[in-house]
Amino acid sequence: MDNNTLIFSKDFTMSYTYLTTEELSQRIKYDSKTIRNQLKDAVFIEGVHYIKPFGGRKILFIWQKIEELMLTGYDDTIPFAAGA
């Protein structure tokens, strides 16, 4: 085994559903332009709610993270340091 080999446990499974902007638009009933221009980067966070696979321009939204955000809301509070 060389240093470039990744080892995953037998239990490792990826169970995310990746959606294009158009597919997400159909699920959440927002226009594709609204998702691209208003929600992406303002509400959705790259690496959490969407990815750009292989360093490309294509955006894939992670349905489970979007759905969680819609159901629980967005916590934009920033905790204060040292017991404040």
N, C-alpha and C. Protein backbone atom coordinates (compact mmCIF):
# COMPACT_ATOMS: atom_id res chain seq x y z
N MET A 1 0.85 -1.18 0.00
CA MET A 1 0.00 0.00 0.00
C MET A 1 0.89 1.24 0.00
N ASP A 2 0.60 2.19 -0.90
CA ASP A 2 1.40 3.42 -0.96
C ASP A 2 0.72 4.53 -0.18
N ASN A 3 1.37 5.69 -0.07
CA ASN A 3 0.85 6.81 0.71
C ASN A 3 -0.37 7.46 0.09
N ASN A 4 -0.70 7.15 -1.15
CA ASN A 4 -1.84 7.76 -1.83
C ASN A 4 -3.11 6.93 -1.73
N THR A 5 -3.07 5.82 -1.02
CA THR A 5 -4.22 4.95 -0.91
C THR A 5 -5.13 5.39 0.23
N LEU A 6 -6.41 5.55 -0.06
CA LEU A 6 -7.39 5.90 0.96
C LEU A 6 -8.03 4.63 1.49
N ILE A 7 -8.18 4.55 2.79
CA ILE A 7 -8.78 3.39 3.40
C ILE A 7 -10.10 3.81 4.03
N PHE A 8 -11.17 3.13 3.66
CA PHE A 8 -12.48 3.40 4.23
C PHE A 8 -12.93 2.17 4.99
N SER A 9 -13.67 2.38 6.06
CA SER A 9 -14.21 1.24 6.81
C SER A 9 -15.27 0.56 5.96
N LYS A 10 -15.59 -0.65 6.32
CA LYS A 10 -16.61 -1.40 5.58
C LYS A 10 -17.98 -0.75 5.71
N ASP A 11 -18.18 0.03 6.78
CA ASP A 11 -19.47 0.67 7.02
C ASP A 11 -19.61 2.00 6.33
N PHE A 12 -18.60 2.44 5.62
CA PHE A 12 -18.63 3.76 4.98
C PHE A 12 -19.63 3.75 3.83
N THR A 13 -20.63 4.62 3.94
CA THR A 13 -21.59 4.78 2.85
C THR A 13 -21.90 6.27 2.68
N MET A 14 -22.05 6.68 1.46
CA MET A 14 -22.45 8.05 1.17
C MET A 14 -23.91 8.01 0.77
N SER A 15 -24.72 8.75 1.48
CA SER A 15 -26.15 8.69 1.21
C SER A 15 -26.74 10.05 0.92
N TYR A 16 -25.99 10.90 0.26
CA TYR A 16 -26.49 12.21 -0.10
C TYR A 16 -27.13 12.17 -1.48
N THR A 17 -28.13 13.03 -1.66
CA THR A 17 -28.78 13.20 -2.95
C THR A 17 -28.33 14.54 -3.50
N TYR A 18 -27.68 14.52 -4.66
CA TYR A 18 -27.16 15.73 -5.29
C TYR A 18 -28.13 16.18 -6.38
N LEU A 19 -28.46 17.48 -6.34
CA LEU A 19 -29.41 18.02 -7.30
C LEU A 19 -28.81 19.18 -8.07
N THR A 20 -29.18 19.28 -9.33
CA THR A 20 -28.82 20.46 -10.12
C THR A 20 -29.70 21.62 -9.67
N THR A 21 -29.39 22.80 -10.12
CA THR A 21 -30.21 23.97 -9.79
C THR A 21 -31.64 23.77 -10.25
N GLU A 22 -31.83 23.22 -11.43
CA GLU A 22 -33.17 23.01 -11.97
C GLU A 22 -33.94 21.99 -11.13
N GLU A 23 -33.27 20.91 -10.72
CA GLU A 23 -33.92 19.89 -9.90
C GLU A 23 -34.30 20.45 -8.53
N LEU A 24 -33.40 21.24 -7.94
CA LEU A 24 -33.70 21.87 -6.65
C LEU A 24 -34.88 22.84 -6.80
N SER A 25 -34.90 23.56 -7.90
CA SER A 25 -35.98 24.50 -8.19
C SER A 25 -37.33 23.79 -8.17
N GLN A 26 -37.40 22.62 -8.74
CA GLN A 26 -38.65 21.87 -8.77
C GLN A 26 -39.07 21.40 -7.38
N ARG A 27 -38.09 21.06 -6.54
CA ARG A 27 -38.40 20.56 -5.20
C ARG A 27 -38.83 21.66 -4.24
N ILE A 28 -38.17 22.81 -4.29
CA ILE A 28 -38.47 23.85 -3.29
C ILE A 28 -39.36 24.96 -3.85
N LYS A 29 -39.74 24.83 -5.12
CA LYS A 29 -40.68 25.78 -5.75
C LYS A 29 -40.15 27.20 -5.82
N TYR A 30 -38.85 27.32 -6.05
CA TYR A 30 -38.23 28.61 -6.32
C TYR A 30 -37.69 28.57 -7.74
N ASP A 31 -37.68 29.70 -8.41
CA ASP A 31 -37.14 29.79 -9.76
C ASP A 31 -35.63 29.52 -9.73
N SER A 32 -35.12 28.89 -10.78
CA SER A 32 -33.68 28.60 -10.87
C SER A 32 -32.83 29.86 -10.73
N LYS A 33 -33.29 30.95 -11.34
CA LYS A 33 -32.55 32.22 -11.25
C LYS A 33 -32.49 32.72 -9.82
N THR A 34 -33.58 32.57 -9.08
CA THR A 34 -33.60 33.00 -7.68
C THR A 34 -32.60 32.19 -6.87
N ILE A 35 -32.54 30.90 -7.11
CA ILE A 35 -31.58 30.04 -6.40
C ILE A 35 -30.16 30.49 -6.70
N ARG A 36 -29.85 30.68 -7.98
CA ARG A 36 -28.49 31.07 -8.37
C ARG A 36 -28.12 32.47 -7.90
N ASN A 37 -29.05 33.41 -8.02
CA ASN A 37 -28.72 34.82 -7.78
C ASN A 37 -28.96 35.31 -6.36
N GLN A 38 -29.89 34.69 -5.64
CA GLN A 38 -30.23 35.20 -4.32
C GLN A 38 -29.92 34.23 -3.18
N LEU A 39 -30.14 32.95 -3.39
CA LEU A 39 -29.94 32.00 -2.31
C LEU A 39 -28.51 31.48 -2.22
N LYS A 40 -27.92 31.18 -3.37
CA LYS A 40 -26.55 30.67 -3.37
C LYS A 40 -25.62 31.74 -2.82
N ASP A 41 -24.85 31.38 -1.83
CA ASP A 41 -23.87 32.23 -1.15
C ASP A 41 -24.50 33.21 -0.16
N ALA A 42 -25.79 33.48 -0.23
CA ALA A 42 -26.43 34.34 0.76
C ALA A 42 -27.07 33.47 1.84
N VAL A 43 -27.67 32.36 1.44
CA VAL A 43 -28.33 31.45 2.37
C VAL A 43 -27.59 30.11 2.39
N PHE A 44 -27.26 29.61 1.21
CA PHE A 44 -26.57 28.33 1.10
C PHE A 44 -25.06 28.56 1.16
N ILE A 45 -24.37 27.66 1.86
CA ILE A 45 -22.93 27.77 2.05
C ILE A 45 -22.23 26.69 1.23
N GLU A 46 -21.24 27.11 0.45
CA GLU A 46 -20.47 26.14 -0.34
C GLU A 46 -19.76 25.19 0.61
N GLY A 47 -19.82 23.90 0.29
CA GLY A 47 -19.20 22.89 1.13
C GLY A 47 -20.15 22.33 2.17
N VAL A 48 -21.25 23.04 2.41
CA VAL A 48 -22.27 22.57 3.35
C VAL A 48 -23.55 22.23 2.59
N HIS A 49 -24.07 23.21 1.86
CA HIS A 49 -25.33 23.04 1.14
C HIS A 49 -25.15 22.73 -0.34
N TYR A 50 -23.99 23.05 -0.87
CA TYR A 50 -23.72 22.73 -2.26
C TYR A 50 -22.22 22.55 -2.47
N ILE A 51 -21.89 21.87 -3.56
CA ILE A 51 -20.49 21.63 -3.92
C ILE A 51 -20.29 21.96 -5.39
N LYS A 52 -19.03 22.15 -5.73
CA LYS A 52 -18.63 22.27 -7.14
C LYS A 52 -17.65 21.13 -7.39
N PRO A 53 -18.17 19.99 -7.83
CA PRO A 53 -17.32 18.80 -7.95
C PRO A 53 -16.21 18.96 -8.98
N PHE A 54 -15.10 18.37 -8.67
CA PHE A 54 -13.94 18.31 -9.56
C PHE A 54 -13.42 19.68 -9.94
N GLY A 55 -13.65 20.68 -9.08
CA GLY A 55 -13.14 22.03 -9.33
C GLY A 55 -13.78 22.74 -10.50
N GLY A 56 -14.92 22.25 -10.94
CA GLY A 56 -15.59 22.83 -12.10
C GLY A 56 -16.55 23.93 -11.75
N ARG A 57 -17.32 24.34 -12.72
CA ARG A 57 -18.30 25.41 -12.55
C ARG A 57 -19.68 24.88 -12.16
N LYS A 58 -19.93 23.61 -12.47
CA LYS A 58 -21.24 23.02 -12.18
C LYS A 58 -21.48 23.00 -10.67
N ILE A 59 -22.69 23.32 -10.28
CA ILE A 59 -23.07 23.34 -8.88
C ILE A 59 -24.04 22.19 -8.62
N LEU A 60 -23.76 21.42 -7.58
CA LEU A 60 -24.67 20.38 -7.15
C LEU A 60 -25.09 20.66 -5.72
N PHE A 61 -26.39 20.74 -5.49
CA PHE A 61 -26.92 21.02 -4.17
C PHE A 61 -27.13 19.71 -3.43
N ILE A 62 -26.87 19.72 -2.13
CA ILE A 62 -27.02 18.53 -1.29
C ILE A 62 -28.41 18.60 -0.66
N TRP A 63 -29.32 17.78 -1.17
CA TRP A 63 -30.72 17.85 -0.80
C TRP A 63 -30.93 17.73 0.71
N GLN A 64 -30.28 16.78 1.37
CA GLN A 64 -30.48 16.57 2.80
C GLN A 64 -30.11 17.82 3.61
N LYS A 65 -29.07 18.53 3.21
CA LYS A 65 -28.66 19.75 3.91
C LYS A 65 -29.61 20.90 3.64
N ILE A 66 -30.12 21.00 2.42
CA ILE A 66 -31.10 22.03 2.08
C ILE A 66 -32.39 21.80 2.85
N GLU A 67 -32.84 20.56 2.87
CA GLU A 67 -34.07 20.22 3.57
C GLU A 67 -33.94 20.50 5.07
N GLU A 68 -32.81 20.15 5.65
CA GLU A 68 -32.56 20.43 7.06
C GLU A 68 -32.62 21.94 7.34
N LEU A 69 -32.01 22.72 6.48
CA LEU A 69 -32.02 24.17 6.63
C LEU A 69 -33.45 24.72 6.55
N MET A 70 -34.23 24.20 5.62
CA MET A 70 -35.61 24.67 5.48
C MET A 70 -36.45 24.33 6.71
N LEU A 71 -36.21 23.17 7.29
CA LEU A 71 -37.02 22.72 8.42
C LEU A 71 -36.61 23.33 9.75
N THR A 72 -35.32 23.59 9.91
CA THR A 72 -34.83 24.07 11.21
C THR A 72 -34.47 25.54 11.21
N GLY A 73 -34.35 26.13 10.05
CA GLY A 73 -33.97 27.53 9.96
C GLY A 73 -32.47 27.70 9.99
N TYR A 74 -32.07 28.94 9.87
CA TYR A 74 -30.66 29.29 9.76
C TYR A 74 -30.24 30.01 11.04
N ASP A 75 -29.22 29.49 11.72
CA ASP A 75 -28.72 30.10 12.94
C ASP A 75 -27.56 31.01 12.58
N ASP A 76 -27.81 32.31 12.61
CA ASP A 76 -26.75 33.26 12.23
C ASP A 76 -26.13 33.94 13.44
N THR A 77 -26.36 33.38 14.63
CA THR A 77 -25.75 33.96 15.82
C THR A 77 -24.28 33.58 15.90
N ILE A 78 -23.49 34.49 16.40
CA ILE A 78 -22.07 34.23 16.58
C ILE A 78 -21.78 34.24 18.08
N PRO A 79 -21.30 33.13 18.61
CA PRO A 79 -21.06 33.08 20.06
C PRO A 79 -19.95 34.06 20.46
N PHE A 80 -20.13 34.67 21.62
CA PHE A 80 -19.12 35.58 22.14
C PHE A 80 -18.00 34.80 22.82
N ALA A 81 -16.83 35.37 22.84
CA ALA A 81 -15.67 34.72 23.44
C ALA A 81 -15.70 34.83 24.95
N ALA A 82 -15.12 33.88 25.62
CA ALA A 82 -14.81 33.88 27.06
C ALA A 82 -15.99 34.26 27.94
N GLY A 83 -17.05 33.47 27.87
CA GLY A 83 -18.14 33.59 28.83
C GLY A 83 -19.05 34.78 28.70
N ALA A 84 -19.03 35.46 27.61
CA ALA A 84 -19.91 36.62 27.46
C ALA A 84 -21.32 36.19 27.12
